[in-house]
C-alpha atoms as a PDB file:
ATOM      1  CA  MET A   1      -0.809 -16.877   4.069  1.00  0.00           C
ATOM      2  CA  SER A   2       0.765 -19.887   5.761  1.00  0.00           C
ATOM      3  CA  LEU A   3       0.096 -23.542   5.016  1.00  0.00           C
ATOM      4  CA  ARG A   4       1.749 -26.180   7.233  1.00  0.00           C
ATOM      5  CA  GLY A   5       4.829 -24.113   7.955  1.00  0.00           C
ATOM      6  CA  ARG A   6       5.071 -22.713   4.429  1.00  0.00           C
ATOM      7  CA  ILE A   7       4.344 -19.099   3.495  1.00  0.00           C
ATOM      8  CA  ALA A   8       3.035 -18.118   0.073  1.00  0.00           C
ATOM      9  CA  ILE A   9       2.215 -14.436   0.643  1.00  0.00           C
ATOM     10  CA  VAL A  10       3.109 -11.785   3.198  1.00  0.00           C
ATOM     11  CA  SER A  11       0.959  -8.667   2.890  1.00  0.00           C
ATOM     12  CA  GLY A  12       0.833  -5.761   5.296  1.00  0.00           C
ATOM     13  CA  ALA A  13      -0.738  -2.363   5.927  1.00  0.00           C
ATOM     14  CA  SER A  14      -1.029  -0.180   8.989  1.00  0.00           C
ATOM     15  CA  ARG A  15      -4.202   1.788   9.739  1.00  0.00           C
ATOM     16  CA  GLY A  16      -2.775   4.121  12.346  1.00  0.00           C
ATOM     17  CA  TYR A  17      -4.644   7.019  13.918  1.00  0.00           C
ATOM     18  CA  ILE A  18      -5.699   8.985  10.866  1.00  0.00           C
ATOM     19  CA  ILE A  19      -9.171  10.282  11.621  1.00  0.00           C
ATOM     20  CA  GLU A  20      -8.564  12.103  14.886  1.00  0.00           C
ATOM     21  CA  ASN A  21      -5.473  13.844  13.510  1.00  0.00           C
ATOM     22  CA  LEU A  22      -6.670  14.535   9.986  1.00  0.00           C
ATOM     23  CA  THR A  23      -7.065  18.309  10.238  1.00  0.00           C
ATOM     24  CA  LYS A  24      -4.400  18.984  12.876  1.00  0.00           C
ATOM     25  CA  LYS A  25      -1.005  20.588  12.333  1.00  0.00           C
ATOM     26  CA  PHE A  26       1.870  18.326  13.368  1.00  0.00           C
ATOM     27  CA  TYR A  27       2.550  20.439  16.468  1.00  0.00           C
ATOM     28  CA  GLU A  28      -1.087  20.105  17.545  1.00  0.00           C
ATOM     29  CA  SER A  29      -0.906  16.313  17.618  1.00  0.00           C
ATOM     30  CA  ASP A  30       0.601  14.216  20.375  1.00  0.00           C
ATOM     31  CA  PRO A  31       4.224  13.443  19.414  1.00  0.00           C
ATOM     32  CA  ASP A  32       3.455   9.805  20.231  1.00  0.00           C
ATOM     33  CA  LEU A  33       1.618   9.784  16.907  1.00  0.00           C
ATOM     34  CA  TRP A  34       5.020   9.038  15.353  1.00  0.00           C
ATOM     35  CA  ASP A  35       5.290   5.784  17.296  1.00  0.00           C
ATOM     36  CA  LYS A  36       1.720   4.771  16.540  1.00  0.00           C
ATOM     37  CA  PHE A  37       2.440   4.901  12.809  1.00  0.00           C
ATOM     38  CA  ASN A  38       6.095   3.975  12.620  1.00  0.00           C
ATOM     39  CA  ASN A  39       7.126   2.121  15.763  1.00  0.00           C
ATOM     40  CA  VAL A  40       3.998   0.011  15.324  1.00  0.00           C
ATOM     41  CA  GLY A  41       3.282   0.090  11.576  1.00  0.00           C
ATOM     42  CA  LEU A  42       6.637   0.459   9.833  1.00  0.00           C
ATOM     43  CA  ARG A  43       8.539  -1.602  12.404  1.00  0.00           C
ATOM     44  CA  ASN A  44       6.015  -4.434  12.174  1.00  0.00           C
ATOM     45  CA  HIS A  45       6.283  -4.420   8.380  1.00  0.00           C
ATOM     46  CA  TYR A  46      10.022  -4.926   8.686  1.00  0.00           C
ATOM     47  CA  PHE A  47       9.764  -7.671  11.311  1.00  0.00           C
ATOM     48  CA  CYS A  48       7.101  -9.580   9.357  1.00  0.00           C
ATOM     49  CA  VAL A  49       9.054  -9.407   6.113  1.00  0.00           C
ATOM     50  CA  VAL A  50      12.329 -10.468   7.739  1.00  0.00           C
ATOM     51  CA  LEU A  51      10.713 -13.509   9.363  1.00  0.00           C
ATOM     52  CA  GLY A  52       8.589 -14.318   6.319  1.00  0.00           C
ATOM     53  CA  ALA A  53      11.517 -14.045   3.916  1.00  0.00           C
ATOM     54  CA  ARG A  54      13.504 -16.568   5.971  1.00  0.00           C
ATOM     55  CA  ILE A  55      10.782 -19.171   5.455  1.00  0.00           C
ATOM     56  CA  MET A  56      10.294 -18.215   1.807  1.00  0.00           C
ATOM     57  CA  ASN A  57      14.024 -18.493   1.156  1.00  0.00           C
ATOM     58  CA  LYS A  58      14.024 -22.061   2.474  1.00  0.00           C
ATOM     59  CA  GLN A  59      10.991 -23.018   0.397  1.00  0.00           C
ATOM     60  CA  GLY A  60      12.408 -21.335  -2.700  1.00  0.00           C
ATOM     61  CA  ARG A  61       9.761 -18.739  -3.574  1.00  0.00           C
ATOM     62  CA  GLY A  62       7.214 -16.264  -2.247  1.00  0.00           C
ATOM     63  CA  LEU A  63       5.471 -12.908  -2.657  1.00  0.00           C
ATOM     64  CA  ILE A  64       5.756  -9.965  -0.247  1.00  0.00           C
ATOM     65  CA  VAL A  65       3.304  -7.069  -0.715  1.00  0.00           C
ATOM     66  CA  ASN A  66       3.882  -3.941   1.328  1.00  0.00           C
ATOM     67  CA  VAL A  67       0.849  -1.650   1.160  1.00  0.00           C
ATOM     68  CA  GLY A  68       2.120   1.856   0.504  1.00  0.00           C
ATOM     69  CA  SER A  69       0.379   5.091  -0.396  1.00  0.00           C
ATOM     70  CA  PRO A  70       0.759   8.251  -2.489  1.00  0.00           C
ATOM     71  CA  GLY A  71       1.172   9.789   0.975  1.00  0.00           C
ATOM     72  CA  GLY A  72       4.770   8.640   0.740  1.00  0.00           C
ATOM     73  CA  LEU A  73       5.293  11.048  -2.146  1.00  0.00           C
ATOM     74  CA  TYR A  74       3.239  14.098  -1.170  1.00  0.00           C
ATOM     75  CA  THR A  75       1.521  15.425   1.944  1.00  0.00           C
ATOM     76  CA  LEU A  76      -1.442  13.284   2.979  1.00  0.00           C
ATOM     77  CA  PHE A  77      -3.164  12.947   6.381  1.00  0.00           C
ATOM     78  CA  ASN A  78      -0.190  13.760   8.641  1.00  0.00           C
ATOM     79  CA  ILE A  79       3.611  13.807   8.733  1.00  0.00           C
ATOM     80  CA  PRO A  80       4.281  10.481  10.526  1.00  0.00           C
ATOM     81  CA  TYR A  81       1.948   8.738   8.056  1.00  0.00           C
ATOM     82  CA  GLY A  82       3.728  10.176   5.021  1.00  0.00           C
ATOM     83  CA  VAL A  83       7.244   9.554   6.328  1.00  0.00           C
ATOM     84  CA  GLY A  84       6.328   5.974   7.191  1.00  0.00           C
ATOM     85  CA  LYS A  85       4.858   5.304   3.752  1.00  0.00           C
ATOM     86  CA  CYS A  86       7.901   6.859   2.060  1.00  0.00           C
ATOM     87  CA  ALA A  87      10.154   4.620   4.134  1.00  0.00           C
ATOM     88  CA  LEU A  88       8.023   1.595   3.257  1.00  0.00           C
ATOM     89  CA  ASP A  89       8.515   2.187  -0.474  1.00  0.00           C
ATOM     90  CA  ARG A  90      12.267   2.526   0.017  1.00  0.00           C
ATOM     91  CA  MET A  91      12.281  -0.603   2.158  1.00  0.00           C
ATOM     92  CA  SER A  92      10.478  -2.542  -0.578  1.00  0.00           C
ATOM     93  CA  LYS A  93      12.978  -1.411  -3.191  1.00  0.00           C
ATOM     94  CA  ASP A  94      16.018  -2.274  -1.075  1.00  0.00           C
ATOM     95  CA  MET A  95      14.592  -5.644  -0.018  1.00  0.00           C
ATOM     96  CA  ALA A  96      14.019  -6.489  -3.670  1.00  0.00           C
ATOM     97  CA  GLN A  97      17.718  -5.800  -4.305  1.00  0.00           C
ATOM     98  CA  HIS A  98      18.701  -8.204  -1.534  1.00  0.00           C
ATOM     99  CA  LEU A  99      16.352 -10.836  -2.972  1.00  0.00           C
ATOM    100  CA  LYS A 100      17.131 -10.328  -6.657  1.00  0.00           C
ATOM    101  CA  ASP A 101      18.862 -13.712  -6.965  1.00  0.00           C
ATOM    102  CA  THR A 102      15.929 -15.560  -5.379  1.00  0.00           C
ATOM    103  CA  LYS A 103      12.365 -16.271  -6.446  1.00  0.00           C
ATOM    104  CA  ILE A 104      10.992 -14.050  -3.692  1.00  0.00           C
ATOM    105  CA  THR A 105       9.251 -10.950  -5.022  1.00  0.00           C
ATOM    106  CA  VAL A 106       8.772  -7.763  -2.984  1.00  0.00           C
ATOM    107  CA  VAL A 107       6.504  -4.969  -4.253  1.00  0.00           C
ATOM    108  CA  SER A 108       4.840  -1.858  -2.857  1.00  0.00           C
ATOM    109  CA  LEU A 109       1.115  -1.721  -3.614  1.00  0.00           C
ATOM    110  CA  TRP A 110      -0.602   1.672  -3.784  1.00  0.00           C
ATOM    111  CA  PRO A 111      -4.409   1.472  -3.447  1.00  0.00           C
ATOM    112  CA  GLY A 112      -6.590   4.451  -4.213  1.00  0.00           C
ATOM    113  CA  ALA A 113      -8.950   5.864  -1.580  1.00  0.00           C
ATOM    114  CA  VAL A 114     -10.151   2.774   0.289  1.00  0.00           C
ATOM    115  CA  LYS A 115     -13.563   2.450   1.916  1.00  0.00           C
ATOM    116  CA  THR A 116     -12.452   0.910   5.186  1.00  0.00           C
ATOM    117  CA  GLU A 117     -14.994   0.581   7.986  1.00  0.00           C
ATOM    118  CA  LEU A 118     -13.215   3.298   9.960  1.00  0.00           C
ATOM    119  CA  ILE A 119     -13.184   5.774   7.072  1.00  0.00           C
ATOM    120  CA  MET A 120     -16.762   5.109   5.978  1.00  0.00           C
ATOM    121  CA  ASN A 121     -18.056   5.432   9.530  1.00  0.00           C
ATOM    122  CA  ALA A 122     -16.445   8.880   9.739  1.00  0.00           C
ATOM    123  CA  VAL A 123     -17.712   9.959   6.314  1.00  0.00           C
ATOM    124  CA  GLU A 124     -21.292   8.740   6.760  1.00  0.00           C
ATOM    125  CA  ASN A 125     -21.918   9.343  10.452  1.00  0.00           C
ATOM    126  CA  SER A 126     -19.848  12.367  11.435  1.00  0.00           C
ATOM    127  CA  LYS A 127     -21.321  15.843  10.997  1.00  0.00           C
ATOM    128  CA  ASN A 128     -18.518  17.017   8.712  1.00  0.00           C
ATOM    129  CA  GLY A 129     -17.324  13.619   7.549  1.00  0.00           C
ATOM    130  CA  LEU A 130     -13.556  13.768   7.223  1.00  0.00           C
ATOM    131  CA  GLY A 131     -13.717  17.546   7.367  1.00  0.00           C
ATOM    132  CA  LEU A 132     -13.148  18.259   3.670  1.00  0.00           C
ATOM    133  CA  ASP A 133     -15.827  17.791   1.008  1.00  0.00           C
ATOM    134  CA  ASN A 134     -13.421  16.705  -1.728  1.00  0.00           C
ATOM    135  CA  ILE A 135     -11.916  14.035   0.544  1.00  0.00           C
ATOM    136  CA  ASN A 136     -15.383  12.815   1.551  1.00  0.00           C
ATOM    137  CA  THR A 137     -16.337  12.425  -2.116  1.00  0.00           C
ATOM    138  CA  LEU A 138     -13.043  10.718  -2.922  1.00  0.00           C
ATOM    139  CA  PHE A 139     -13.631   8.018  -0.332  1.00  0.00           C
ATOM    140  CA  LEU A 140     -17.319   7.580  -1.104  1.00  0.00           C
ATOM    141  CA  ASN A 141     -16.279   6.749  -4.676  1.00  0.00           C
ATOM    142  CA  GLY A 142     -13.251   4.764  -3.576  1.00  0.00           C
ATOM    143  CA  GLU A 143     -12.135   1.152  -3.644  1.00  0.00           C
ATOM    144  CA  SER A 144     -13.488  -1.611  -1.440  1.00  0.00           C
ATOM    145  CA  ILE A 145     -11.022  -3.377   0.834  1.00  0.00           C
ATOM    146  CA  GLU A 146     -11.497  -6.447  -1.367  1.00  0.00           C
ATOM    147  CA  TYR A 147     -10.120  -4.646  -4.425  1.00  0.00           C
ATOM    148  CA  SER A 148      -6.575  -4.659  -3.031  1.00  0.00           C
ATOM    149  CA  GLY A 149      -7.064  -8.317  -2.177  1.00  0.00           C
ATOM    150  CA  LYS A 150      -7.888  -9.050  -5.804  1.00  0.00           C
ATOM    151  CA  ALA A 151      -4.704  -7.252  -6.811  1.00  0.00           C
ATOM    152  CA  VAL A 152      -2.599  -9.368  -4.442  1.00  0.00           C
ATOM    153  CA  VAL A 153      -4.205 -12.612  -5.663  1.00  0.00           C
ATOM    154  CA  SER A 154      -3.611 -11.618  -9.287  1.00  0.00           C
ATOM    155  CA  LEU A 155       0.048 -10.938  -8.577  1.00  0.00           C
ATOM    156  CA  ALA A 156       0.414 -14.240  -6.742  1.00  0.00           C
ATOM    157  CA  LEU A 157      -0.998 -16.119  -9.735  1.00  0.00           C
ATOM    158  CA  ASP A 158       1.248 -14.371 -12.262  1.00  0.00           C
ATOM    159  CA  PRO A 159       4.257 -16.584 -13.147  1.00  0.00           C
ATOM    160  CA  LYS A 160       6.131 -13.445 -14.228  1.00  0.00           C
ATOM    161  CA  VAL A 161       5.486 -11.486 -11.019  1.00  0.00           C
ATOM    162  CA  HIS A 162       9.236 -11.258 -10.318  1.00  0.00           C
ATOM    163  CA  THR A 163       9.542  -8.688 -13.127  1.00  0.00           C
ATOM    164  CA  PHE A 164       7.756  -6.268 -10.767  1.00  0.00           C
ATOM    165  CA  ALA A 165      10.256  -6.736  -7.918  1.00  0.00           C
ATOM    166  CA  GLY A 166      10.971  -3.500  -6.046  1.00  0.00           C
ATOM    167  CA  LYS A 167       8.377  -1.511  -7.949  1.00  0.00           C
ATOM    168  CA  ILE A 168       5.394   0.591  -6.934  1.00  0.00           C
ATOM    169  CA  LEU A 169       2.167  -0.879  -8.329  1.00  0.00           C
ATOM    170  CA  PHE A 170      -1.187   0.923  -8.452  1.00  0.00           C
ATOM    171  CA  THR A 171      -4.256  -1.209  -7.754  1.00  0.00           C
ATOM    172  CA  ALA A 172      -6.116   0.480 -10.637  1.00  0.00           C
ATOM    173  CA  ASP A 173      -3.296  -0.401 -13.052  1.00  0.00           C
ATOM    174  CA  LEU A 174      -3.346  -4.002 -11.897  1.00  0.00           C
ATOM    175  CA  GLY A 175      -7.119  -4.081 -12.345  1.00  0.00           C
ATOM    176  CA  HIS A 176      -6.624  -3.159 -16.002  1.00  0.00           C
ATOM    177  CA  LYS A 177      -3.712  -5.541 -16.514  1.00  0.00           C
ATOM    178  CA  TYR A 178      -5.382  -8.560 -14.927  1.00  0.00           C
ATOM    179  CA  LYS A 179      -8.922  -7.539 -15.928  1.00  0.00           C
ATOM    180  CA  PHE A 180     -10.573  -7.613 -12.512  1.00  0.00           C
ATOM    181  CA  LYS A 181     -13.208  -5.209 -11.168  1.00  0.00           C
ATOM    182  CA  ASP A 182     -14.257  -4.187  -7.692  1.00  0.00           C
ATOM    183  CA  ILE A 183     -16.963  -6.155  -5.881  1.00  0.00           C
ATOM    184  CA  ASP A 184     -19.614  -3.719  -7.160  1.00  0.00           C
ATOM    185  CA  ALA A 185     -18.297  -4.172 -10.735  1.00  0.00           C
ATOM    186  CA  THR A 186     -16.547  -0.783 -10.728  1.00  0.00           C
ATOM    187  CA  LYS A 187     -13.584  -0.559 -13.072  1.00  0.00           C
ATOM    188  CA  PHE A 188     -11.343   2.221 -11.776  1.00  0.00           C
ATOM    189  CA  LYS A 189      -9.761   4.645 -14.198  1.00  0.00           C
ATOM    190  CA  ARG A 190      -6.006   4.881 -14.552  1.00  0.00           C
ATOM    191  CA  ASP A 191      -6.317   8.644 -15.139  1.00  0.00           C
ATOM    192  CA  GLY A 192      -4.524  10.674 -12.525  1.00  0.00           C
ATOM    193  CA  ASN A 193      -1.573   8.322 -12.183  1.00  0.00           C
ATOM    194  CA  GLU A 194       0.490  10.094 -14.846  1.00  0.00           C
ATOM    195  CA  LEU A 195       1.575  12.949 -12.572  1.00  0.00           C
ATOM    196  CA  LEU A 196       2.545  10.492  -9.859  1.00  0.00           C
ATOM    197  CA  LEU A 197       4.552   8.467 -12.351  1.00  0.00           C
ATOM    198  CA  LYS A 198       6.424  11.551 -13.506  1.00  0.00           C
ATOM    199  CA  LEU A 199       7.266  12.418  -9.902  1.00  0.00           C
ATOM    200  CA  ILE A 200       8.356   8.846  -9.173  1.00  0.00           C
ATOM    201  CA  ASN A 201      10.610   8.820 -12.223  1.00  0.00           C
ATOM    202  CA  PHE A 202      12.001  12.260 -11.350  1.00  0.00           C
ATOM    203  CA  PHE A 203      13.003  11.179  -7.865  1.00  0.00           C
ATOM    204  CA  GLY A 204      14.455   7.913  -9.167  1.00  0.00           C
ATOM    205  CA  GLU A 205      12.400   5.660  -6.955  1.00  0.00           C
ATOM    206  CA  ALA A 206      10.744   2.374  -7.842  1.00  0.00           C
ATOM    207  CA  ARG A 207       8.882   2.579 -11.149  1.00  0.00           C
ATOM    208  CA  LEU A 208       5.558   1.187 -12.199  1.00  0.00           C
ATOM    209  CA  GLU A 209       5.776  -0.934 -15.319  1.00  0.00           C
ATOM    210  CA  VAL A 210       2.356  -2.351 -15.963  1.00  0.00           C
ATOM    211  CA  SER A 211       1.189  -2.572 -19.550  1.00  0.00           C
END
């Protein structure tokens, strides 16, 4: 978000080419899939944050939200997607180290299953949806795109947001912390995050610390 040459928030996510490669083995997909996720998505994240951080550093503060995914920790969708999301979490952590003496906060935000237009069109209009019943159900009961937006706004309004610098934050956890619900009044459960947290702690990556 930019106002008269000033930037308050930089937030980014890459959609990529998930649907058409969802059930394919990596060797069945075009190798250019790597570039579509990482030369476009991951590279653009880096460029946007570099340029945004320069402006934020001059103005003295700012919030950078990189939209990650559990796919960075375990297999999800396809290999280029997972590798890119893993790299994005590492990038967020390292950027936070570089910015630790500033008032610029970098975090990695992990939404749950998100009901994007692309995903919902595949689930509702395709014969087999996304190809797997459990995945179809997961997305049908998932988060709206606005839910992540509420999480970002809540972080931006928190005067203590810098305590989260370099960490992975779950949208559902932030919903509980800041007491916001989805646009249909759904309050998502935090259940299911415990295993992910144990894995994150085991591998020594950024930790979630939301009370």
